[in-house]
Amino acid sequence: MVDHFKSHTPGLSSPILDGLALLPSDSATLPHLTRALYVGADGDLTVRLQSGVVLSFGAVQAGVIYPLRVDMVLASGTTATGLVGLW
């Protein structure tokens, strides 16, 4: 298979390299710091950003990729489902 991006340095604007379905947790950190989060179903989203700041986003929309660098998706305050961490 041809990889047209193999010589590109990964960055925030380059194609996504990998991902993982996320289960929100108030105690577990993610295995990787995300480059973005995909939301599968509408709801609210509470995350801990790379800086350590916890933010809540009301009414995130399904089918959207949000450019958020997070190390946690908290269960408290998160009602959105079908979450995928991308890096």
Protein backbone atom coordinates (compact mmCIF):
# COMPACT_ATOMS: atom_id res chain seq x y z
CA MET A 1 0.00 0.00 0.00
CA VAL A 2 1.29 3.47 -0.87
CA ASP A 3 1.58 5.94 2.01
CA HIS A 4 1.68 9.43 0.54
CA PHE A 5 2.26 10.94 3.99
CA LYS A 6 5.15 8.79 5.23
CA SER A 7 7.67 11.58 4.70
CA HIS A 8 5.52 14.18 6.52
CA THR A 9 6.24 15.09 10.12
CA PRO A 10 3.14 14.43 12.25
CA GLY A 11 1.55 17.64 13.47
CA LEU A 12 -1.78 19.04 14.58
CA SER A 13 -2.80 19.74 10.98
CA SER A 14 -1.58 16.44 9.50
CA PRO A 15 -3.83 13.39 9.01
CA ILE A 16 -4.88 11.41 12.08
CA LEU A 17 -2.57 8.44 12.70
CA ASP A 18 -4.52 6.38 15.22
CA GLY A 19 -7.52 6.38 17.52
CA LEU A 20 -9.30 4.64 20.34
CA ALA A 21 -12.91 4.40 21.49
CA LEU A 22 -13.18 6.25 24.81
CA LEU A 23 -15.12 5.40 27.93
CA PRO A 24 -15.43 8.46 30.21
CA SER A 25 -13.89 8.03 33.65
CA ASP A 26 -13.38 10.34 36.62
CA SER A 27 -10.12 8.59 37.56
CA ALA A 28 -8.42 7.04 34.52
CA THR A 29 -6.21 9.04 32.20
CA LEU A 30 -6.12 8.24 28.49
CA PRO A 31 -3.25 6.13 27.10
CA HIS A 32 -2.33 9.02 24.77
CA LEU A 33 -2.84 12.76 24.80
CA THR A 34 -5.38 13.38 22.04
CA ARG A 35 -5.06 15.65 19.01
CA ALA A 36 -8.83 15.68 18.67
CA LEU A 37 -12.06 14.04 19.86
CA TYR A 38 -14.80 12.64 17.64
CA VAL A 39 -18.33 12.75 19.05
CA GLY A 40 -20.72 10.04 17.87
CA ALA A 41 -23.92 11.20 19.61
CA ASP A 42 -25.03 14.62 20.89
CA GLY A 43 -24.62 15.51 24.55
CA ASP A 44 -22.41 17.35 27.00
CA LEU A 45 -18.66 16.80 27.26
CA THR A 46 -16.33 17.37 30.22
CA VAL A 47 -12.60 16.98 29.65
CA ARG A 48 -9.27 17.72 31.27
CA LEU A 49 -7.06 19.61 28.83
CA GLN A 50 -3.32 19.08 28.42
CA SER A 51 -2.81 22.11 30.70
CA GLY A 52 -4.74 20.41 33.53
CA VAL A 53 -7.76 22.72 33.21
CA VAL A 54 -11.14 20.95 33.35
CA LEU A 55 -13.70 22.34 30.90
CA SER A 56 -17.31 21.44 30.19
CA PHE A 57 -18.80 21.84 26.73
CA GLY A 58 -22.58 21.87 26.56
CA ALA A 59 -24.44 20.42 23.59
CA VAL A 60 -21.56 19.05 21.51
CA GLN A 61 -22.84 17.72 18.20
CA ALA A 62 -22.65 14.25 16.73
CA GLY A 63 -20.38 13.72 13.76
CA VAL A 64 -17.99 16.53 14.68
CA ILE A 65 -14.25 16.29 15.31
CA TYR A 66 -13.28 18.73 18.07
CA PRO A 67 -9.59 19.80 18.13
CA LEU A 68 -9.03 19.21 21.84
CA ARG A 69 -5.76 18.11 23.44
CA VAL A 70 -7.03 16.14 26.43
CA ASP A 71 -5.71 13.49 28.80
CA MET A 72 -9.09 12.69 30.41
CA VAL A 73 -12.73 12.53 29.41
CA LEU A 74 -14.61 12.75 32.68
CA ALA A 75 -17.73 10.68 33.37
CA SER A 76 -19.12 13.46 35.57
CA GLY A 77 -20.73 15.93 33.21
CA THR A 78 -20.33 13.85 30.05
CA THR A 79 -23.52 12.65 28.37
CA ALA A 80 -22.21 12.56 24.79
CA THR A 81 -21.50 9.02 23.57
CA GLY A 82 -19.61 7.35 20.77
CA LEU A 83 -16.46 9.23 21.74
CA VAL A 84 -13.21 8.48 19.92
CA GLY A 85 -9.81 9.87 20.86
CA LEU A 86 -7.66 10.67 17.82
CA TRP A 87 -3.91 11.17 17.61
